[in-house]
Amino acid sequence: MIKRLTKHGNSLALVIDRPVLDLLEIDDQTPLSITTDGKCLIIAPVKDEKKQKAFREAVAEGRRKYGKMLKRLADK
């Protein structure tokens, strides 16, 4: 996909198509991190620490509950 910047007042704006926004679960309230590696512009949703912590806890619980069983299945 090739895009061009559009004039927005004294600035330039990048318009992101709806399918991309939906795929990344981004809306007008999503905080975005904008970084660069010196050659590319990288725009990513800011990671929600609460969600990441809850996910890590769920994975740990799953391992605690089912880890031995899954290991036995994998070894067969």
Protein backbone atom coordinates (compact mmCIF):
# COMPACT_ATOMS: atom_id res chain seq x y z
CA MET A 1 0.00 0.00 0.00
CA ILE A 2 1.43 3.35 -0.99
CA LYS A 3 0.12 6.46 0.76
CA ARG A 4 0.77 10.18 0.52
CA LEU A 5 0.69 12.69 3.32
CA THR A 6 -2.15 15.19 3.25
CA LYS A 7 -2.01 18.80 4.38
CA HIS A 8 -3.69 19.37 7.76
CA GLY A 9 -3.34 23.02 8.78
CA ASN A 10 0.39 23.71 9.09
CA SER A 11 1.14 19.99 9.47
CA LEU A 12 0.97 16.86 7.35
CA ALA A 13 -1.25 13.89 8.19
CA LEU A 14 -1.14 10.22 7.27
CA VAL A 15 -4.62 8.80 6.69
CA ILE A 16 -4.85 5.12 7.69
CA ASP A 17 -7.54 3.07 5.97
CA ARG A 18 -10.33 1.51 8.07
CA PRO A 19 -9.36 -2.14 7.38
CA VAL A 20 -5.87 -1.50 8.78
CA LEU A 21 -7.30 0.28 11.82
CA ASP A 22 -9.72 -2.60 12.42
CA LEU A 23 -6.96 -5.18 12.05
CA LEU A 24 -4.79 -3.41 14.64
CA GLU A 25 -7.79 -2.53 16.85
CA ILE A 26 -6.96 1.17 16.67
CA ASP A 27 -9.50 3.96 16.97
CA ASP A 28 -9.33 7.70 17.54
CA GLN A 29 -8.80 7.14 21.30
CA THR A 30 -5.89 4.68 20.97
CA PRO A 31 -2.54 6.11 22.13
CA LEU A 32 0.13 5.53 19.48
CA SER A 33 3.89 5.24 19.84
CA ILE A 34 5.79 6.88 16.99
CA THR A 35 9.46 5.94 16.64
CA THR A 36 12.04 5.66 13.89
CA ASP A 37 15.04 3.50 13.17
CA GLY A 38 16.58 6.32 11.14
CA LYS A 39 15.12 5.10 7.85
CA CYS A 40 11.56 4.03 8.66
CA LEU A 41 8.70 5.56 10.60
CA ILE A 42 7.22 3.05 13.05
CA ILE A 43 3.70 3.66 14.38
CA ALA A 44 2.33 1.16 16.91
CA PRO A 45 -0.43 1.09 19.51
CA VAL A 46 0.87 1.68 23.02
CA LYS A 47 0.82 -1.61 24.86
CA ASP A 48 -1.70 -1.78 27.68
CA GLU A 49 0.26 -2.94 30.74
CA LYS A 50 -2.90 -4.16 32.51
CA LYS A 51 -3.82 -6.41 29.59
CA GLN A 52 -0.27 -7.71 29.28
CA LYS A 53 -0.08 -8.50 33.00
CA ALA A 54 -3.45 -10.30 32.87
CA PHE A 55 -2.26 -12.30 29.85
CA ARG A 56 1.01 -13.29 31.56
CA GLU A 57 -0.93 -14.36 34.67
CA ALA A 58 -3.35 -16.43 32.57
CA VAL A 59 -0.45 -18.17 30.79
CA ALA A 60 1.24 -18.89 34.13
CA GLU A 61 -2.01 -20.32 35.52
CA GLY A 62 -2.46 -22.49 32.43
CA ARG A 63 1.08 -23.80 32.77
CA ARG A 64 0.54 -24.49 36.46
CA LYS A 65 -2.71 -26.36 35.84
CA TYR A 66 -1.94 -28.16 32.58
CA GLY A 67 1.83 -28.03 32.09
CA LYS A 68 2.57 -31.63 33.10
CA MET A 69 -0.29 -33.00 31.02
CA LEU A 70 0.75 -31.00 27.94
CA LYS A 71 4.35 -32.15 28.40
CA ARG A 72 3.23 -35.80 28.49
CA LEU A 73 1.15 -35.31 25.34
CA ALA A 74 4.04 -33.65 23.55
CA ASP A 75 6.38 -36.52 24.45
CA LYS A 76 4.09 -39.17 22.90
